[in-house]
PDB file of N, CA and C in Angstrom:
ATOM      1  N   MET A   1      -1.565 -11.670 -32.723  1.00  0.00           N
ATOM      2  CA  MET A   1      -1.577 -10.228 -32.704  1.00  0.00           C
ATOM      3  C   MET A   1      -0.170  -9.729 -32.999  1.00  0.00           C
ATOM      4  N   ALA A   2      -0.046  -8.860 -33.972  1.00  0.00           N
ATOM      5  CA  ALA A   2       1.258  -8.340 -34.370  1.00  0.00           C
ATOM      6  C   ALA A   2       1.714  -7.260 -33.400  1.00  0.00           C
ATOM      7  N   LYS A   3       2.984  -7.255 -33.080  1.00  0.00           N
ATOM      8  CA  LYS A   3       3.542  -6.232 -32.200  1.00  0.00           C
ATOM      9  C   LYS A   3       3.771  -4.961 -32.996  1.00  0.00           C
ATOM     10  N   ARG A   4       3.455  -3.843 -32.371  1.00  0.00           N
ATOM     11  CA  ARG A   4       3.711  -2.556 -33.012  1.00  0.00           C
ATOM     12  C   ARG A   4       4.803  -1.851 -32.229  1.00  0.00           C
ATOM     13  N   LYS A   5       5.636  -1.145 -32.928  1.00  0.00           N
ATOM     14  CA  LYS A   5       6.723  -0.405 -32.293  1.00  0.00           C
ATOM     15  C   LYS A   5       6.151   0.863 -31.666  1.00  0.00           C
ATOM     16  N   ILE A   6       6.498   1.096 -30.433  1.00  0.00           N
ATOM     17  CA  ILE A   6       6.043   2.280 -29.719  1.00  0.00           C
ATOM     18  C   ILE A   6       6.948   3.449 -30.104  1.00  0.00           C
ATOM     19  N   PRO A   7       6.370   4.604 -30.421  1.00  0.00           N
ATOM     20  CA  PRO A   7       7.199   5.773 -30.741  1.00  0.00           C
ATOM     21  C   PRO A   7       8.113   6.129 -29.569  1.00  0.00           C
ATOM     22  N   VAL A   8       9.280   6.618 -29.875  1.00  0.00           N
ATOM     23  CA  VAL A   8      10.284   6.942 -28.862  1.00  0.00           C
ATOM     24  C   VAL A   8       9.733   7.958 -27.855  1.00  0.00           C
ATOM     25  N   GLU A   9       9.008   8.965 -28.355  1.00  0.00           N
ATOM     26  CA  GLU A   9       8.470   9.997 -27.464  1.00  0.00           C
ATOM     27  C   GLU A   9       7.509   9.383 -26.434  1.00  0.00           C
ATOM     28  N   LEU A  10       6.697   8.455 -26.892  1.00  0.00           N
ATOM     29  CA  LEU A  10       5.755   7.808 -25.990  1.00  0.00           C
ATOM     30  C   LEU A  10       6.493   6.941 -24.967  1.00  0.00           C
ATOM     31  N   SER A  11       7.512   6.250 -25.407  1.00  0.00           N
ATOM     32  CA  SER A  11       8.299   5.419 -24.502  1.00  0.00           C
ATOM     33  C   SER A  11       8.978   6.273 -23.429  1.00  0.00           C
ATOM     34  N   GLU A  12       9.530   7.410 -23.844  1.00  0.00           N
ATOM     35  CA  GLU A  12      10.188   8.313 -22.887  1.00  0.00           C
ATOM     36  C   GLU A  12       9.171   8.877 -21.893  1.00  0.00           C
ATOM     37  N   TYR A  13       7.985   9.200 -22.402  1.00  0.00           N
ATOM     38  CA  TYR A  13       6.930   9.719 -21.530  1.00  0.00           C
ATOM     39  C   TYR A  13       6.564   8.686 -20.466  1.00  0.00           C
ATOM     40  N   PHE A  14       6.339   7.449 -20.895  1.00  0.00           N
ATOM     41  CA  PHE A  14       5.992   6.394 -19.944  1.00  0.00           C
ATOM     42  C   PHE A  14       7.115   6.169 -18.935  1.00  0.00           C
ATOM     43  N   SER A  15       8.345   6.291 -19.371  1.00  0.00           N
ATOM     44  CA  SER A  15       9.476   6.133 -18.454  1.00  0.00           C
ATOM     45  C   SER A  15       9.460   7.216 -17.382  1.00  0.00           C
ATOM     46  N   ARG A  16       9.236   8.468 -17.815  1.00  0.00           N
ATOM     47  CA  ARG A  16       9.187   9.579 -16.846  1.00  0.00           C
ATOM     48  C   ARG A  16       8.049   9.384 -15.853  1.00  0.00           C
ATOM     49  N   ILE A  17       6.881   9.030 -16.352  1.00  0.00           N
ATOM     50  CA  ILE A  17       5.725   8.836 -15.489  1.00  0.00           C
ATOM     51  C   ILE A  17       5.967   7.672 -14.527  1.00  0.00           C
ATOM     52  N   GLY A  18       6.572   6.612 -15.012  1.00  0.00           N
ATOM     53  CA  GLY A  18       6.849   5.460 -14.164  1.00  0.00           C
ATOM     54  C   GLY A  18       7.814   5.786 -13.040  1.00  0.00           C
ATOM     55  N   ARG A  19       8.845   6.563 -13.362  1.00  0.00           N
ATOM     56  CA  ARG A  19       9.793   6.955 -12.319  1.00  0.00           C
ATOM     57  C   ARG A  19       9.120   7.833 -11.279  1.00  0.00           C
ATOM     58  N   LYS A  20       8.307   8.772 -11.746  1.00  0.00           N
ATOM     59  CA  LYS A  20       7.610   9.653 -10.817  1.00  0.00           C
ATOM     60  C   LYS A  20       6.644   8.852  -9.953  1.00  0.00           C
ATOM     61  N   GLY A  21       5.918   7.931 -10.559  1.00  0.00           N
ATOM     62  CA  GLY A  21       4.974   7.121  -9.812  1.00  0.00           C
ATOM     63  C   GLY A  21       5.666   6.268  -8.775  1.00  0.00           C
ATOM     64  N   GLY A  22       6.841   5.759  -9.105  1.00  0.00           N
ATOM     65  CA  GLY A  22       7.578   4.939  -8.161  1.00  0.00           C
ATOM     66  C   GLY A  22       8.030   5.719  -6.948  1.00  0.00           C
ATOM     67  N   LYS A  23       8.300   7.008  -7.151  1.00  0.00           N
ATOM     68  CA  LYS A  23       8.782   7.823  -6.048  1.00  0.00           C
ATOM     69  C   LYS A  23       7.655   8.491  -5.270  1.00  0.00           C
ATOM     70  N   LEU A  24       6.644   8.976  -6.005  1.00  0.00           N
ATOM     71  CA  LEU A  24       5.623   9.779  -5.352  1.00  0.00           C
ATOM     72  C   LEU A  24       4.209   9.271  -5.542  1.00  0.00           C
ATOM     73  N   GLY A  25       4.013   8.347  -6.431  1.00  0.00           N
ATOM     74  CA  GLY A  25       2.675   8.026  -6.890  1.00  0.00           C
ATOM     75  C   GLY A  25       1.767   7.355  -5.890  1.00  0.00           C
ATOM     76  N   GLY A  26       2.100   6.196  -5.425  1.00  0.00           N
ATOM     77  CA  GLY A  26       1.166   5.419  -4.626  1.00  0.00           C
ATOM     78  C   GLY A  26       1.179   5.806  -3.172  1.00  0.00           C
ATOM     79  N   PRO A  27       0.768   4.890  -2.342  1.00  0.00           N
ATOM     80  CA  PRO A  27       0.808   5.139  -0.905  1.00  0.00           C
ATOM     81  C   PRO A  27       2.218   5.502  -0.461  1.00  0.00           C
ATOM     82  N   LEU A  28       2.310   6.403   0.460  1.00  0.00           N
ATOM     83  CA  LEU A  28       3.615   6.909   0.850  1.00  0.00           C
ATOM     84  C   LEU A  28       4.352   5.998   1.817  1.00  0.00           C
ATOM     85  N   GLY A  29       3.704   5.013   2.323  1.00  0.00           N
ATOM     86  CA  GLY A  29       4.381   4.106   3.234  1.00  0.00           C
ATOM     87  C   GLY A  29       4.084   4.454   4.675  1.00  0.00           C
ATOM     88  N   GLY A  30       4.380   3.510   5.527  1.00  0.00           N
ATOM     89  CA  GLY A  30       4.036   3.652   6.929  1.00  0.00           C
ATOM     90  C   GLY A  30       4.703   4.798   7.644  1.00  0.00           C
ATOM     91  N   LYS A  31       6.010   4.935   7.491  1.00  0.00           N
ATOM     92  CA  LYS A  31       6.714   5.992   8.225  1.00  0.00           C
ATOM     93  C   LYS A  31       6.236   7.373   7.808  1.00  0.00           C
ATOM     94  N   ARG A  32       6.103   7.577   6.507  1.00  0.00           N
ATOM     95  CA  ARG A  32       5.676   8.889   6.028  1.00  0.00           C
ATOM     96  C   ARG A  32       4.247   9.198   6.461  1.00  0.00           C
ATOM     97  N   SER A  33       3.370   8.214   6.366  1.00  0.00           N
ATOM     98  CA  SER A  33       1.986   8.484   6.745  1.00  0.00           C
ATOM     99  C   SER A  33       1.871   8.752   8.240  1.00  0.00           C
ATOM    100  N   LEU A  34       2.674   8.093   9.038  1.00  0.00           N
ATOM    101  CA  LEU A  34       2.634   8.348  10.482  1.00  0.00           C
ATOM    102  C   LEU A  34       3.124   9.749  10.817  1.00  0.00           C
ATOM    103  N   GLU A  35       4.053  10.276  10.010  1.00  0.00           N
ATOM    104  CA  GLU A  35       4.535  11.639  10.242  1.00  0.00           C
ATOM    105  C   GLU A  35       3.447  12.669   9.977  1.00  0.00           C
ATOM    106  N   THR A  36       2.561  12.367   9.030  1.00  0.00           N
ATOM    107  CA  THR A  36       1.556  13.344   8.641  1.00  0.00           C
ATOM    108  C   THR A  36       0.234  13.170   9.378  1.00  0.00           C
ATOM    109  N   MET A  37       0.098  12.131  10.178  1.00  0.00           N
ATOM    110  CA  MET A  37      -1.148  11.875  10.902  1.00  0.00           C
ATOM    111  C   MET A  37      -1.128  12.546  12.268  1.00  0.00           C
ATOM    112  N   THR A  38      -2.327  12.868  12.731  1.00  0.00           N
ATOM    113  CA  THR A  38      -2.443  13.414  14.085  1.00  0.00           C
ATOM    114  C   THR A  38      -2.351  12.255  15.079  1.00  0.00           C
ATOM    115  N   PRO A  39      -2.076  12.551  16.333  1.00  0.00           N
ATOM    116  CA  PRO A  39      -2.032  11.478  17.329  1.00  0.00           C
ATOM    117  C   PRO A  39      -3.340  10.686  17.401  1.00  0.00           C
ATOM    118  N   GLU A  40      -4.466  11.361  17.225  1.00  0.00           N
ATOM    119  CA  GLU A  40      -5.755  10.664  17.260  1.00  0.00           C
ATOM    120  C   GLU A  40      -5.891   9.693  16.078  1.00  0.00           C
ATOM    121  N   GLU A  41      -5.422  10.125  14.903  1.00  0.00           N
ATOM    122  CA  GLU A  41      -5.479   9.258  13.728  1.00  0.00           C
ATOM    123  C   GLU A  41      -4.571   8.043  13.898  1.00  0.00           C
ATOM    124  N   ARG A  42      -3.400   8.271  14.493  1.00  0.00           N
ATOM    125  CA  ARG A  42      -2.488   7.140  14.740  1.00  0.00           C
ATOM    126  C   ARG A  42      -3.102   6.149  15.720  1.00  0.00           C
ATOM    127  N   THR A  43      -3.761   6.672  16.754  1.00  0.00           N
ATOM    128  CA  THR A  43      -4.414   5.804  17.729  1.00  0.00           C
ATOM    129  C   THR A  43      -5.515   4.984  17.068  1.00  0.00           C
ATOM    130  N   ALA A  44      -6.313   5.637  16.233  1.00  0.00           N
ATOM    131  CA  ALA A  44      -7.404   4.932  15.551  1.00  0.00           C
ATOM    132  C   ALA A  44      -6.846   3.843  14.636  1.00  0.00           C
ATOM    133  N   ARG A  45      -5.769   4.139  13.945  1.00  0.00           N
ATOM    134  CA  ARG A  45      -5.149   3.154  13.049  1.00  0.00           C
ATOM    135  C   ARG A  45      -4.604   1.975  13.856  1.00  0.00           C
ATOM    136  N   ALA A  46      -3.981   2.258  14.983  1.00  0.00           N
ATOM    137  CA  ALA A  46      -3.427   1.190  15.816  1.00  0.00           C
ATOM    138  C   ALA A  46      -4.539   0.310  16.393  1.00  0.00           C
ATOM    139  N   LYS A  47      -5.641   0.921  16.802  1.00  0.00           N
ATOM    140  CA  LYS A  47      -6.758   0.141  17.340  1.00  0.00           C
ATOM    141  C   LYS A  47      -7.357  -0.757  16.261  1.00  0.00           C
ATOM    142  N   LYS A  48      -7.480  -0.228  15.051  1.00  0.00           N
ATOM    143  CA  LYS A  48      -8.029  -1.015  13.951  1.00  0.00           C
ATOM    144  C   LYS A  48      -7.116  -2.200  13.644  1.00  0.00           C
ATOM    145  N   ALA A  49      -5.815  -1.955  13.630  1.00  0.00           N
ATOM    146  CA  ALA A  49      -4.859  -3.031  13.360  1.00  0.00           C
ATOM    147  C   ALA A  49      -4.888  -4.076  14.464  1.00  0.00           C
ATOM    148  N   ALA A  50      -4.980  -3.635  15.708  1.00  0.00           N
ATOM    149  CA  ALA A  50      -5.018  -4.573  16.830  1.00  0.00           C
ATOM    150  C   ALA A  50      -6.274  -5.431  16.778  1.00  0.00           C
ATOM    151  N   ALA A  51      -7.402  -4.824  16.411  1.00  0.00           N
ATOM    152  CA  ALA A  51      -8.647  -5.579  16.320  1.00  0.00           C
ATOM    153  C   ALA A  51      -8.577  -6.618  15.206  1.00  0.00           C
ATOM    154  N   ALA A  52      -7.993  -6.238  14.067  1.00  0.00           N
ATOM    155  CA  ALA A  52      -7.865  -7.180  12.956  1.00  0.00           C
ATOM    156  C   ALA A  52      -6.945  -8.331  13.335  1.00  0.00           C
ATOM    157  N   SER A  53      -5.879  -8.019  14.039  1.00  0.00           N
ATOM    158  CA  SER A  53      -4.947  -9.054  14.474  1.00  0.00           C
ATOM    159  C   SER A  53      -5.604 -10.008  15.465  1.00  0.00           C
ATOM    160  N   ALA A  54      -6.372  -9.457  16.392  1.00  0.00           N
ATOM    161  CA  ALA A  54      -7.058 -10.290  17.383  1.00  0.00           C
ATOM    162  C   ALA A  54      -8.081 -11.202  16.703  1.00  0.00           C
ATOM    163  N   LYS A  55      -8.753 -10.683  15.696  1.00  0.00           N
ATOM    164  CA  LYS A  55      -9.737 -11.486  14.968  1.00  0.00           C
ATOM    165  C   LYS A  55      -9.065 -12.685  14.294  1.00  0.00           C
ATOM    166  N   VAL A  56      -7.902 -12.448  13.683  1.00  0.00           N
ATOM    167  CA  VAL A  56      -7.167 -13.534  13.026  1.00  0.00           C
ATOM    168  C   VAL A  56      -6.695 -14.557  14.053  1.00  0.00           C
ATOM    169  N   ARG A  57      -6.183 -14.071  15.186  1.00  0.00           N
ATOM    170  CA  ARG A  57      -5.694 -14.982  16.221  1.00  0.00           C
ATOM    171  C   ARG A  57      -6.815 -15.819  16.807  1.00  0.00           C
ATOM    172  N   SER A  58      -7.970 -15.198  17.059  1.00  0.00           N
ATOM    173  CA  SER A  58      -9.073 -15.957  17.648  1.00  0.00           C
ATOM    174  C   SER A  58      -9.618 -16.983  16.663  1.00  0.00           C
ATOM    175  N   LYS A  59      -9.657 -16.635  15.388  1.00  0.00           N
ATOM    176  CA  LYS A  59     -10.112 -17.585  14.375  1.00  0.00           C
ATOM    177  C   LYS A  59      -9.162 -18.787  14.313  1.00  0.00           C
ATOM    178  N   ALA A  60      -7.864 -18.521  14.363  1.00  0.00           N
ATOM    179  CA  ALA A  60      -6.875 -19.598  14.329  1.00  0.00           C
ATOM    180  C   ALA A  60      -6.999 -20.477  15.575  1.00  0.00           C
ATOM    181  N   ALA A  61      -7.254 -19.862  16.722  1.00  0.00           N
ATOM    182  CA  ALA A  61      -7.391 -20.631  17.959  1.00  0.00           C
ATOM    183  C   ALA A  61      -8.625 -21.523  17.898  1.00  0.00           C
ATOM    184  N   LYS A  62      -9.727 -21.015  17.361  1.00  0.00           N
ATOM    185  CA  LYS A  62     -10.940 -21.831  17.229  1.00  0.00           C
ATOM    186  C   LYS A  62     -10.719 -23.009  16.293  1.00  0.00           C
ATOM    187  N   GLU A  63      -9.975 -22.779  15.231  1.00  0.00           N
ATOM    188  CA  GLU A  63      -9.691 -23.857  14.283  1.00  0.00           C
ATOM    189  C   GLU A  63      -8.815 -24.932  14.914  1.00  0.00           C
ATOM    190  N   ARG A  64      -7.886 -24.530  15.755  1.00  0.00           N
ATOM    191  CA  ARG A  64      -7.016 -25.498  16.434  1.00  0.00           C
ATOM    192  C   ARG A  64      -7.809 -26.370  17.398  1.00  0.00           C
ATOM    193  N   LYS A  65      -8.799 -25.764  18.073  1.00  0.00           N
ATOM    194  CA  LYS A  65      -9.619 -26.504  19.027  1.00  0.00           C
ATOM    195  C   LYS A  65     -10.556 -27.495  18.335  1.00  0.00           C
ATOM    196  N   ALA A  66     -10.994 -27.124  17.149  1.00  0.00           N
ATOM    197  CA  ALA A  66     -11.958 -27.972  16.426  1.00  0.00           C
ATOM    198  C   ALA A  66     -11.314 -29.195  15.829  1.00  0.00           C
TER     199      ALA A  66
END
């Protein structure tokens, strides 16, 4: 497959979009999301994480016993 040269305008556009996406695009991260969540939402998230962690730990413990 032959390489084609990308027009400069298109390259600049992709650069701008990439920079914006890196700063604002995806998930905002843990600290930012915790700032915007209500206390009830934070509690629900913590309970879900604790349950997932306990599931992994119990599975590992069962494997060690077997």
